C-alpha atoms as a PDB file:
ATOM      1  CA  MET A   1      22.624  19.590  14.038  1.00  0.00           C
ATOM      2  CA  HIS A   2      20.370  18.230  11.286  1.00  0.00           C
ATOM      3  CA  LYS A   3      16.831  17.568  12.533  1.00  0.00           C
ATOM      4  CA  LYS A   4      15.397  14.118  11.942  1.00  0.00           C
ATOM      5  CA  ASN A   5      12.452  13.744   9.596  1.00  0.00           C
ATOM      6  CA  ARG A   6       9.441  12.680  11.676  1.00  0.00           C
ATOM      7  CA  LEU A   7       6.620  10.475  10.386  1.00  0.00           C
ATOM      8  CA  LEU A   8       3.328   9.561  12.061  1.00  0.00           C
ATOM      9  CA  ILE A   9       1.780   6.396  10.578  1.00  0.00           C
ATOM     10  CA  PHE A  10      -1.821   5.418  11.307  1.00  0.00           C
ATOM     11  CA  GLY A  11      -2.228   1.636  11.188  1.00  0.00           C
ATOM     12  CA  PHE A  12       0.340  -1.141  11.519  1.00  0.00           C
ATOM     13  CA  GLY A  13      -0.040  -3.806   8.855  1.00  0.00           C
ATOM     14  CA  TYR A  14       2.251  -5.349   6.260  1.00  0.00           C
ATOM     15  CA  THR A  15       3.199  -2.104   4.487  1.00  0.00           C
ATOM     16  CA  SER A  16       3.583  -0.092   7.715  1.00  0.00           C
ATOM     17  CA  LYS A  17       5.989  -2.708   9.046  1.00  0.00           C
ATOM     18  CA  PHE A  18       8.309  -2.174   6.078  1.00  0.00           C
ATOM     19  CA  MET A  19       7.832   1.590   6.256  1.00  0.00           C
ATOM     20  CA  CYS A  20       8.963   1.621   9.905  1.00  0.00           C
ATOM     21  CA  HIS A  21      11.914  -0.670   9.224  1.00  0.00           C
ATOM     22  CA  LYS A  22      13.242   1.131   6.125  1.00  0.00           C
ATOM     23  CA  LEU A  23      12.760   4.714   7.304  1.00  0.00           C
ATOM     24  CA  ALA A  24      14.110   4.118  10.830  1.00  0.00           C
ATOM     25  CA  LYS A  25      17.247   2.776   9.138  1.00  0.00           C
ATOM     26  CA  LYS A  26      17.485   6.088   7.272  1.00  0.00           C
ATOM     27  CA  ASN A  27      17.361   7.954  10.583  1.00  0.00           C
ATOM     28  CA  TRP A  28      13.700   8.961  10.413  1.00  0.00           C
ATOM     29  CA  GLN A  29      11.837   9.199  13.701  1.00  0.00           C
ATOM     30  CA  VAL A  30       8.728   7.066  13.143  1.00  0.00           C
ATOM     31  CA  PHE A  31       5.602   6.910  15.326  1.00  0.00           C
ATOM     32  CA  CYS A  32       3.015   4.226  14.630  1.00  0.00           C
ATOM     33  CA  ILE A  33      -0.571   4.346  15.878  1.00  0.00           C
ATOM     34  CA  THR A  34      -2.484   1.092  16.243  1.00  0.00           C
ATOM     35  CA  ARG A  35      -5.609  -0.163  18.009  1.00  0.00           C
ATOM     36  CA  VAL A  36      -3.839  -3.453  18.830  1.00  0.00           C
ATOM     37  CA  SER A  37      -1.556  -3.197  21.864  1.00  0.00           C
ATOM     38  CA  GLU A  38      -0.117  -6.656  21.106  1.00  0.00           C
ATOM     39  CA  LYS A  39       1.671  -5.030  18.154  1.00  0.00           C
ATOM     40  CA  PHE A  40       3.605  -2.566  20.351  1.00  0.00           C
ATOM     41  CA  GLU A  41       6.550  -4.920  20.873  1.00  0.00           C
ATOM     42  CA  LYS A  42       6.942  -5.533  17.129  1.00  0.00           C
ATOM     43  CA  ILE A  43       6.807  -1.783  16.409  1.00  0.00           C
ATOM     44  CA  GLU A  44       9.502  -1.137  19.022  1.00  0.00           C
ATOM     45  CA  SER A  45      11.683  -3.882  17.506  1.00  0.00           C
ATOM     46  CA  LEU A  46      11.638  -1.875  14.259  1.00  0.00           C
ATOM     47  CA  ASN A  47      12.979   1.203  16.107  1.00  0.00           C
ATOM     48  CA  ALA A  48       9.641   2.998  15.870  1.00  0.00           C
ATOM     49  CA  THR A  49       7.456   4.344  18.691  1.00  0.00           C
ATOM     50  CA  PRO A  50       4.061   2.632  19.213  1.00  0.00           C
ATOM     51  CA  ILE A  51       1.027   4.655  20.318  1.00  0.00           C
ATOM     52  CA  GLY A  52      -2.502   3.481  21.117  1.00  0.00           C
ATOM     53  CA  PHE A  53      -5.258   4.729  18.800  1.00  0.00           C
ATOM     54  CA  ASN A  54      -7.117   6.374  21.678  1.00  0.00           C
ATOM     55  CA  ASP A  55      -4.058   7.739  23.515  1.00  0.00           C
ATOM     56  CA  GLU A  56      -4.950  11.357  22.711  1.00  0.00           C
ATOM     57  CA  GLU A  57      -2.438  12.936  25.075  1.00  0.00           C
ATOM     58  CA  LYS A  58       0.486  11.067  23.582  1.00  0.00           C
ATOM     59  CA  ILE A  59      -0.708  11.772  20.042  1.00  0.00           C
ATOM     60  CA  LYS A  60      -1.080  15.487  20.846  1.00  0.00           C
ATOM     61  CA  SER A  61       2.473  15.573  22.207  1.00  0.00           C
ATOM     62  CA  ILE A  62       3.910  14.447  18.857  1.00  0.00           C
ATOM     63  CA  PHE A  63       2.812  17.723  17.284  1.00  0.00           C
ATOM     64  CA  ASP A  64       5.396  19.685  19.251  1.00  0.00           C
ATOM     65  CA  GLU A  65       7.622  19.485  16.151  1.00  0.00           C
ATOM     66  CA  ASP A  66       7.053  19.298  12.382  1.00  0.00           C
ATOM     67  CA  LEU A  67       6.003  15.920  11.027  1.00  0.00           C
ATOM     68  CA  TYR A  68       4.611  14.045   8.041  1.00  0.00           C
ATOM     69  CA  ILE A  69       1.384  12.040   8.369  1.00  0.00           C
ATOM     70  CA  LEU A  70       0.572   8.816   6.504  1.00  0.00           C
ATOM     71  CA  SER A  71      -2.605   6.771   6.888  1.00  0.00           C
ATOM     72  CA  THR A  72      -2.640   3.091   5.968  1.00  0.00           C
ATOM     73  CA  ALA A  73      -5.992   2.509   7.702  1.00  0.00           C
ATOM     74  CA  PRO A  74      -8.894   1.180   5.599  1.00  0.00           C
ATOM     75  CA  PRO A  75     -12.363   2.752   5.765  1.00  0.00           C
ATOM     76  CA  ASP A  76     -14.525   1.763   8.732  1.00  0.00           C
ATOM     77  CA  ASN A  77     -18.281   1.552   8.160  1.00  0.00           C
ATOM     78  CA  GLY A  78     -17.876   3.571   4.979  1.00  0.00           C
ATOM     79  CA  LYS A  79     -15.983   6.429   6.653  1.00  0.00           C
ATOM     80  CA  ASP A  80     -12.316   7.209   7.097  1.00  0.00           C
ATOM     81  CA  PRO A  81     -11.594   6.617  10.801  1.00  0.00           C
ATOM     82  CA  ILE A  82      -8.536   8.892  10.912  1.00  0.00           C
ATOM     83  CA  VAL A  83     -10.062  12.041   9.405  1.00  0.00           C
ATOM     84  CA  GLU A  84     -13.194  11.322  11.442  1.00  0.00           C
ATOM     85  CA  ASN A  85     -11.341  11.020  14.779  1.00  0.00           C
ATOM     86  CA  TYR A  86      -8.312  13.261  14.293  1.00  0.00           C
ATOM     87  CA  GLY A  87      -9.368  15.930  11.791  1.00  0.00           C
ATOM     88  CA  THR A  88      -9.861  18.473  14.603  1.00  0.00           C
ATOM     89  CA  LEU A  89      -6.408  17.754  16.050  1.00  0.00           C
ATOM     90  CA  PHE A  90      -4.878  18.181  12.588  1.00  0.00           C
ATOM     91  CA  LYS A  91      -6.672  21.524  12.247  1.00  0.00           C
ATOM     92  CA  LYS A  92      -5.245  22.788  15.544  1.00  0.00           C
ATOM     93  CA  ASN A  93      -1.730  21.756  14.488  1.00  0.00           C
ATOM     94  CA  ASN A  94      -1.817  22.383  10.741  1.00  0.00           C
ATOM     95  CA  LYS A  95       1.356  24.507  10.890  1.00  0.00           C
ATOM     96  CA  ARG A  96       3.233  21.443  12.145  1.00  0.00           C
ATOM     97  CA  ILE A  97       2.044  19.112   9.387  1.00  0.00           C
ATOM     98  CA  LYS A  98       4.472  18.958   6.452  1.00  0.00           C
ATOM     99  CA  SER A  99       2.218  16.714   4.366  1.00  0.00           C
ATOM    100  CA  LEU A 100      -0.657  14.234   4.512  1.00  0.00           C
ATOM    101  CA  GLY A 101      -0.619  10.898   2.720  1.00  0.00           C
ATOM    102  CA  TYR A 102      -3.255   8.196   2.252  1.00  0.00           C
ATOM    103  CA  LEU A 103      -2.731   4.655   0.963  1.00  0.00           C
ATOM    104  CA  SER A 104      -5.713   3.848  -1.246  1.00  0.00           C
ATOM    105  CA  THR A 105      -6.148   1.156  -3.893  1.00  0.00           C
ATOM    106  CA  THR A 106      -6.449   0.844  -7.671  1.00  0.00           C
ATOM    107  CA  SER A 107      -9.850  -0.815  -7.124  1.00  0.00           C
ATOM    108  CA  VAL A 108     -11.323   2.724  -7.088  1.00  0.00           C
ATOM    109  CA  TYR A 109     -11.245   2.647 -10.918  1.00  0.00           C
ATOM    110  CA  GLY A 110     -13.710  -0.239 -11.097  1.00  0.00           C
ATOM    111  CA  ASP A 111     -13.842  -2.554 -14.101  1.00  0.00           C
ATOM    112  CA  LYS A 112     -12.199  -1.127 -17.238  1.00  0.00           C
ATOM    113  CA  LYS A 113     -12.437  -4.336 -19.335  1.00  0.00           C
ATOM    114  CA  GLY A 114      -8.662  -4.695 -19.421  1.00  0.00           C
ATOM    115  CA  GLU A 115      -7.962  -1.153 -20.667  1.00  0.00           C
ATOM    116  CA  TRP A 116      -5.195   1.082 -19.291  1.00  0.00           C
ATOM    117  CA  VAL A 117      -6.050   3.496 -16.487  1.00  0.00           C
ATOM    118  CA  THR A 118      -4.216   6.655 -15.400  1.00  0.00           C
ATOM    119  CA  GLU A 119      -4.759   8.927 -12.412  1.00  0.00           C
ATOM    120  CA  ASP A 120      -7.139  10.962 -14.600  1.00  0.00           C
ATOM    121  CA  THR A 121      -9.368   8.003 -15.483  1.00  0.00           C
ATOM    122  CA  VAL A 122     -12.958   8.371 -14.262  1.00  0.00           C
ATOM    123  CA  LEU A 123     -13.539   6.447 -11.030  1.00  0.00           C
ATOM    124  CA  GLU A 124     -16.342   3.887 -11.377  1.00  0.00           C
ATOM    125  CA  PRO A 125     -16.108   1.621  -8.332  1.00  0.00           C
ATOM    126  CA  ASN A 126     -18.579  -1.267  -8.224  1.00  0.00           C
ATOM    127  CA  LEU A 127     -17.683  -3.032  -4.991  1.00  0.00           C
ATOM    128  CA  GLU A 128     -18.780  -1.606  -1.653  1.00  0.00           C
ATOM    129  CA  ARG A 129     -15.209  -1.615  -0.304  1.00  0.00           C
ATOM    130  CA  SER A 130     -14.028   0.321  -3.381  1.00  0.00           C
ATOM    131  CA  ILE A 131     -16.802   2.912  -3.054  1.00  0.00           C
ATOM    132  CA  SER A 132     -15.700   3.436   0.573  1.00  0.00           C
ATOM    133  CA  ARG A 133     -12.130   3.954  -0.648  1.00  0.00           C
ATOM    134  CA  VAL A 134     -13.243   6.740  -3.002  1.00  0.00           C
ATOM    135  CA  ASP A 135     -15.067   8.396  -0.112  1.00  0.00           C
ATOM    136  CA  ALA A 136     -11.935   8.062   2.049  1.00  0.00           C
ATOM    137  CA  GLU A 137      -9.744   9.593  -0.686  1.00  0.00           C
ATOM    138  CA  ASN A 138     -12.129  12.533  -0.895  1.00  0.00           C
ATOM    139  CA  SER A 139     -12.068  12.933   2.907  1.00  0.00           C
ATOM    140  CA  TRP A 140      -8.277  13.210   2.881  1.00  0.00           C
ATOM    141  CA  ILE A 141      -8.225  15.587  -0.094  1.00  0.00           C
ATOM    142  CA  LYS A 142     -10.822  17.818   1.590  1.00  0.00           C
ATOM    143  CA  CYS A 143      -8.918  17.627   4.890  1.00  0.00           C
ATOM    144  CA  GLY A 144      -5.719  18.752   3.152  1.00  0.00           C
ATOM    145  CA  GLU A 145      -7.516  21.633   1.435  1.00  0.00           C
ATOM    146  CA  ASN A 146      -9.010  22.792   4.751  1.00  0.00           C
ATOM    147  CA  LEU A 147      -5.581  22.701   6.386  1.00  0.00           C
ATOM    148  CA  SER A 148      -3.748  24.173   3.366  1.00  0.00           C
ATOM    149  CA  VAL A 149      -1.421  21.151   3.578  1.00  0.00           C
ATOM    150  CA  LYS A 150      -0.009  19.110   0.679  1.00  0.00           C
ATOM    151  CA  THR A 151      -1.935  15.834   0.387  1.00  0.00           C
ATOM    152  CA  THR A 152      -0.862  12.792  -1.626  1.00  0.00           C
ATOM    153  CA  ILE A 153      -3.130   9.873  -2.493  1.00  0.00           C
ATOM    154  CA  TYR A 154      -1.338   6.633  -3.378  1.00  0.00           C
ATOM    155  CA  ARG A 155      -3.430   4.106  -5.323  1.00  0.00           C
ATOM    156  CA  LEU A 156      -1.819   0.753  -4.670  1.00  0.00           C
ATOM    157  CA  ALA A 157      -1.962  -2.281  -6.920  1.00  0.00           C
ATOM    158  CA  GLY A 158      -1.787  -5.783  -5.374  1.00  0.00           C
ATOM    159  CA  ILE A 159       0.940  -5.719  -2.718  1.00  0.00           C
ATOM    160  CA  TYR A 160       3.565  -8.448  -2.472  1.00  0.00           C
ATOM    161  CA  GLY A 161       7.005  -8.792  -0.915  1.00  0.00           C
ATOM    162  CA  PRO A 162       8.969 -10.900   1.582  1.00  0.00           C
ATOM    163  CA  GLY A 163       6.621 -13.090   3.605  1.00  0.00           C
ATOM    164  CA  ARG A 164       3.749 -12.289   1.265  1.00  0.00           C
ATOM    165  CA  SER A 165       4.459 -13.933  -2.066  1.00  0.00           C
ATOM    166  CA  LEU A 166       4.045 -17.167  -3.990  1.00  0.00           C
ATOM    167  CA  ILE A 167       7.704 -17.959  -3.233  1.00  0.00           C
ATOM    168  CA  ASP A 168       6.880 -17.942   0.491  1.00  0.00           C
ATOM    169  CA  ARG A 169       3.775 -20.036  -0.065  1.00  0.00           C
ATOM    170  CA  PHE A 170       5.665 -22.656  -2.089  1.00  0.00           C
ATOM    171  CA  ILE A 171       8.471 -22.801   0.514  1.00  0.00           C
ATOM    172  CA  GLY A 172       5.868 -23.149   3.266  1.00  0.00           C
ATOM    173  CA  ASN A 173       4.332 -26.084   1.358  1.00  0.00           C
ATOM    174  CA  GLU A 174       0.941 -24.402   1.332  1.00  0.00           C
ATOM    175  CA  ALA A 175      -1.787 -25.917  -0.806  1.00  0.00           C
ATOM    176  CA  ILE A 176      -1.777 -23.521  -3.755  1.00  0.00           C
ATOM    177  CA  TYR A 177      -4.401 -23.337  -6.447  1.00  0.00           C
ATOM    178  CA  ILE A 178      -4.798 -20.728  -9.150  1.00  0.00           C
ATOM    179  CA  VAL A 179      -8.055 -19.597 -10.736  1.00  0.00           C
ATOM    180  CA  ASP A 180      -7.817 -20.457 -14.408  1.00  0.00           C
ATOM    181  CA  LYS A 181      -9.154 -17.425 -16.239  1.00  0.00           C
ATOM    182  CA  PRO A 182      -6.936 -17.099 -19.314  1.00  0.00           C
ATOM    183  CA  GLY A 183      -5.764 -13.600 -20.140  1.00  0.00           C
ATOM    184  CA  HIS A 184      -7.132 -11.962 -16.971  1.00  0.00           C
ATOM    185  CA  LEU A 185      -4.448  -9.485 -15.928  1.00  0.00           C
ATOM    186  CA  PHE A 186      -3.654  -8.213 -12.437  1.00  0.00           C
ATOM    187  CA  ASN A 187      -1.378  -5.377 -11.374  1.00  0.00           C
ATOM    188  CA  ARG A 188       1.199  -5.621  -8.580  1.00  0.00           C
ATOM    189  CA  ILE A 189       3.621  -3.502  -6.574  1.00  0.00           C
ATOM    190  CA  HIS A 190       6.497  -4.664  -4.373  1.00  0.00           C
ATOM    191  CA  VAL A 191       6.304  -3.338  -0.814  1.00  0.00           C
ATOM    192  CA  GLU A 192       9.808  -1.823  -1.072  1.00  0.00           C
ATOM    193  CA  ASP A 193       8.642   0.277  -4.020  1.00  0.00           C
ATOM    194  CA  ILE A 194       5.699   1.528  -1.968  1.00  0.00           C
ATOM    195  CA  VAL A 195       8.116   2.681   0.746  1.00  0.00           C
ATOM    196  CA  GLY A 196      10.493   4.221  -1.811  1.00  0.00           C
ATOM    197  CA  ALA A 197       7.766   6.086  -3.697  1.00  0.00           C
ATOM    198  CA  VAL A 198       6.087   7.390  -0.524  1.00  0.00           C
ATOM    199  CA  GLU A 199       9.407   8.616   0.873  1.00  0.00           C
ATOM    200  CA  MET A 200      10.204  10.408  -2.392  1.00  0.00           C
ATOM    201  CA  ALA A 201       6.736  11.979  -2.623  1.00  0.00           C
ATOM    202  CA  MET A 202       6.851  13.199   0.986  1.00  0.00           C
ATOM    203  CA  SER A 203      10.240  14.809   0.412  1.00  0.00           C
ATOM    204  CA  SER A 204       9.370  16.345  -2.967  1.00  0.00           C
ATOM    205  CA  GLN A 205       8.489  20.004  -3.368  1.00  0.00           C
ATOM    206  CA  SER A 206       5.443  19.251  -5.538  1.00  0.00           C
ATOM    207  CA  GLY A 207       1.919  20.117  -4.424  1.00  0.00           C
ATOM    208  CA  SER A 208      -0.993  17.751  -3.756  1.00  0.00           C
ATOM    209  CA  MET A 209      -1.052  14.808  -6.168  1.00  0.00           C
ATOM    210  CA  ILE A 210      -2.446  11.350  -6.850  1.00  0.00           C
ATOM    211  CA  PHE A 211      -0.121   8.518  -7.891  1.00  0.00           C
ATOM    212  CA  ASN A 212      -0.739   4.984  -9.087  1.00  0.00           C
ATOM    213  CA  LEU A 213       1.767   2.667  -7.423  1.00  0.00           C
ATOM    214  CA  SER A 214       2.007  -0.278  -9.789  1.00  0.00           C
ATOM    215  CA  ASP A 215       4.855  -2.002 -11.594  1.00  0.00           C
ATOM    216  CA  ASP A 216       5.472  -2.120 -15.352  1.00  0.00           C
ATOM    217  CA  LEU A 217       4.020  -5.535 -16.121  1.00  0.00           C
ATOM    218  CA  PRO A 218       0.368  -6.487 -15.540  1.00  0.00           C
ATOM    219  CA  ALA A 219       0.261 -10.296 -15.634  1.00  0.00           C
ATOM    220  CA  THR A 220      -2.023 -13.261 -15.067  1.00  0.00           C
ATOM    221  CA  GLN A 221      -1.923 -15.088 -11.750  1.00  0.00           C
ATOM    222  CA  LEU A 222      -0.935 -18.268 -13.588  1.00  0.00           C
ATOM    223  CA  ASP A 223       2.096 -16.620 -15.225  1.00  0.00           C
ATOM    224  CA  VAL A 224       3.280 -15.415 -11.822  1.00  0.00           C
ATOM    225  CA  ALA A 225       2.722 -18.837 -10.245  1.00  0.00           C
ATOM    226  CA  LYS A 226       4.602 -20.624 -13.039  1.00  0.00           C
ATOM    227  CA  PHE A 227       7.541 -18.223 -12.698  1.00  0.00           C
ATOM    228  CA  ALA A 228       7.705 -18.878  -8.932  1.00  0.00           C
ATOM    229  CA  ALA A 229       7.404 -22.644  -9.431  1.00  0.00           C
ATOM    230  CA  ASN A 230      10.208 -22.653 -12.010  1.00  0.00           C
ATOM    231  CA  LEU A 231      12.537 -20.734  -9.664  1.00  0.00           C
ATOM    232  CA  LEU A 232      11.949 -23.294  -6.915  1.00  0.00           C
ATOM    233  CA  LYS A 233      11.819 -26.282  -9.276  1.00  0.00           C
ATOM    234  CA  LYS A 234       8.340 -27.118  -8.002  1.00  0.00           C
ATOM    235  CA  ASN A 235       5.367 -28.512  -9.887  1.00  0.00           C
ATOM    236  CA  TYR A 236       2.939 -25.957 -11.272  1.00  0.00           C
ATOM    237  CA  PRO A 237       0.024 -25.337  -8.897  1.00  0.00           C
ATOM    238  CA  GLU A 238      -3.400 -26.828  -9.459  1.00  0.00           C
ATOM    239  CA  THR A 239      -5.850 -24.682 -11.426  1.00  0.00           C
ATOM    240  CA  VAL A 240      -9.546 -24.339 -10.597  1.00  0.00           C
ATOM    241  CA  THR A 241     -12.449 -22.532 -12.249  1.00  0.00           C
ATOM    242  CA  LEU A 242     -14.118 -19.474 -10.781  1.00  0.00           C
ATOM    243  CA  LYS A 243     -17.147 -21.621  -9.961  1.00  0.00           C
ATOM    244  CA  SER A 244     -15.150 -23.903  -7.675  1.00  0.00           C
ATOM    245  CA  ASP A 245     -16.216 -24.058  -4.011  1.00  0.00           C
ATOM    246  CA  ARG A 246     -12.560 -23.507  -3.104  1.00  0.00           C
ATOM    247  CA  VAL A 247     -12.671 -19.939  -4.449  1.00  0.00           C
ATOM    248  CA  SER A 248     -13.857 -17.513  -1.769  1.00  0.00           C
ATOM    249  CA  GLU A 249     -16.327 -14.733  -2.491  1.00  0.00           C
ATOM    250  CA  MET A 250     -13.555 -12.217  -1.828  1.00  0.00           C
ATOM    251  CA  ALA A 251     -11.231 -13.910  -4.357  1.00  0.00           C
ATOM    252  CA  ARG A 252     -14.087 -14.172  -6.849  1.00  0.00           C
ATOM    253  CA  SER A 253     -14.738 -10.426  -6.570  1.00  0.00           C
ATOM    254  CA  PHE A 254     -11.217  -9.645  -7.825  1.00  0.00           C
ATOM    255  CA  TYR A 255     -12.015 -11.438 -11.079  1.00  0.00           C
ATOM    256  CA  LYS A 256     -15.080  -9.268 -11.708  1.00  0.00           C
ATOM    257  CA  GLU A 257     -12.794  -6.385 -12.629  1.00  0.00           C
ATOM    258  CA  GLU A 258      -9.851  -6.025 -14.983  1.00  0.00           C
ATOM    259  CA  LYS A 259      -7.598  -3.094 -15.805  1.00  0.00           C
ATOM    260  CA  LYS A 260      -3.984  -2.305 -16.617  1.00  0.00           C
ATOM    261  CA  VAL A 261      -2.617   0.387 -14.299  1.00  0.00           C
ATOM    262  CA  SER A 262      -0.266   2.992 -15.758  1.00  0.00           C
ATOM    263  CA  ASN A 263       2.656   4.195 -13.624  1.00  0.00           C
ATOM    264  CA  LYS A 264       3.877   6.866 -16.075  1.00  0.00           C
ATOM    265  CA  LYS A 265       3.016   9.731 -13.721  1.00  0.00           C
ATOM    266  CA  LEU A 266       4.948   8.094 -10.891  1.00  0.00           C
ATOM    267  CA  LYS A 267       8.026   7.791 -13.095  1.00  0.00           C
ATOM    268  CA  ASN A 268       7.765  10.961 -15.181  1.00  0.00           C
ATOM    269  CA  GLU A 269       6.399  13.514 -12.705  1.00  0.00           C
ATOM    270  CA  LEU A 270       7.737  12.215  -9.403  1.00  0.00           C
ATOM    271  CA  GLY A 271      10.884  10.793 -11.009  1.00  0.00           C
ATOM    272  CA  TYR A 272      10.682   7.488  -9.150  1.00  0.00           C
ATOM    273  CA  HIS A 273      12.662   4.504 -10.483  1.00  0.00           C
ATOM    274  CA  LEU A 274      11.158   1.144  -9.593  1.00  0.00           C
ATOM    275  CA  ILE A 275      13.420  -1.202  -7.642  1.00  0.00           C
ATOM    276  CA  PHE A 276      11.342  -4.108  -8.974  1.00  0.00           C
ATOM    277  CA  PRO A 277       9.922  -3.206 -12.422  1.00  0.00           C
ATOM    278  CA  SER A 278       7.960  -6.471 -12.593  1.00  0.00           C
ATOM    279  CA  PHE A 279       7.019  -9.529 -10.552  1.00  0.00           C
ATOM    280  CA  LYS A 280      10.031 -11.338 -12.054  1.00  0.00           C
ATOM    281  CA  GLU A 281      12.643  -9.123 -10.392  1.00  0.00           C
ATOM    282  CA  GLY A 282      10.583  -9.030  -7.206  1.00  0.00           C
ATOM    283  CA  LEU A 283      10.122 -12.791  -6.880  1.00  0.00           C
ATOM    284  CA  LEU A 284      13.752 -13.424  -7.842  1.00  0.00           C
ATOM    285  CA  ALA A 285      14.912 -11.177  -4.982  1.00  0.00           C
ATOM    286  CA  ILE A 286      12.600 -12.962  -2.503  1.00  0.00           C
ATOM    287  CA  TYR A 287      13.880 -16.327  -3.784  1.00  0.00           C
ATOM    288  CA  ARG A 288      17.537 -15.299  -3.420  1.00  0.00           C
ATOM    289  CA  ASN A 289      16.964 -13.982   0.104  1.00  0.00           C
ATOM    290  CA  SER A 290      15.201 -17.217   1.061  1.00  0.00           C
ATOM    291  CA  LYS A 291      18.305 -19.158  -0.038  1.00  0.00           C
ATOM    292  CA  GLU A 292      20.422 -17.197   2.442  1.00  0.00           C
ATOM    293  CA  PHE A 293      18.503 -18.463   5.468  1.00  0.00           C
END
C-alpha cells in the first residue's frame, strides 16, 4: 500500500489554510501547529490535524514516520521561533525529515529602484521586519546544513486569492482607496500558485534552493484596482496621496521600495507552470467563483 506523504506546517494563516485544504484533497496527511487553540476547529474542517505550539509530546510523536516540514511563521523579536524552539527536536529526528521549507518574502531584497531582482541579487533590506526575515532565512539554511537535509526558501511576493483580493473588497462594499503613485510597481502571487510551487519543490529531487514566488506581471495598485472595478462594473476607487492621513505607516513603508521580481528560476529550474500568470487571470477566477455563490 502506498504511504501517504506527510507534512508538518508551523503556523496557520491564510496560506496555510489553502495548503491544508489542497494537499489533504490530494491524500497528504497534514499536521498544523498553531499557538491559537481557537483555530483547531477550522484546521480539522480542512481534514488536517491541529497541534498546539507547546504540545511537545504530540509534536515528538509525529516523527515516528518520514515527513516534510514547512514554516509559515514570521520572525519573533528578530529570531525565528521555530528553529529556536524546535531545532533540537529536528536534530534528534533528522533521518525522518525529508525536507525543510520556509516561507519568506521578496522584501529581503530591499529597494532596487524598480530594477529586476533574481534569487542571486544582493540582499539589502532596509525595514526592520525585512532584516529579521533575512536572519530567519539564514537560520533555516544553517539548520538544514546541520541536519544534512534539503532546505528550500520561498520568497513570496504580495499574496492574494479568494477572500483576500480587491474583488472581495468591492463585493463587500468596503471603502477602497488607492495610493496614487504613478508607475510604482508591485509584485503578486496567487495563493494557489504558492501551494502548487511548494508541493512541486518538496517532491522534486533537487537539492537546497531559493525560489522567488511571483507572477509574470508586476503592476501598479491602480491598474489592479481598475481591472477589478471593470469586472464588477463598479466605479474606480478613490485615489489619495502618500501624505494622506488615511495611509497607514505600514502601507506607506511598502511604497519606500520598488523592484520587479523575476520568476525565471521557478519556471526554468523547478519547471513550475503558473496557474495564474498575472493578476488578471487570478482576479477573473475569483470573480467567476463569486458569481457561483
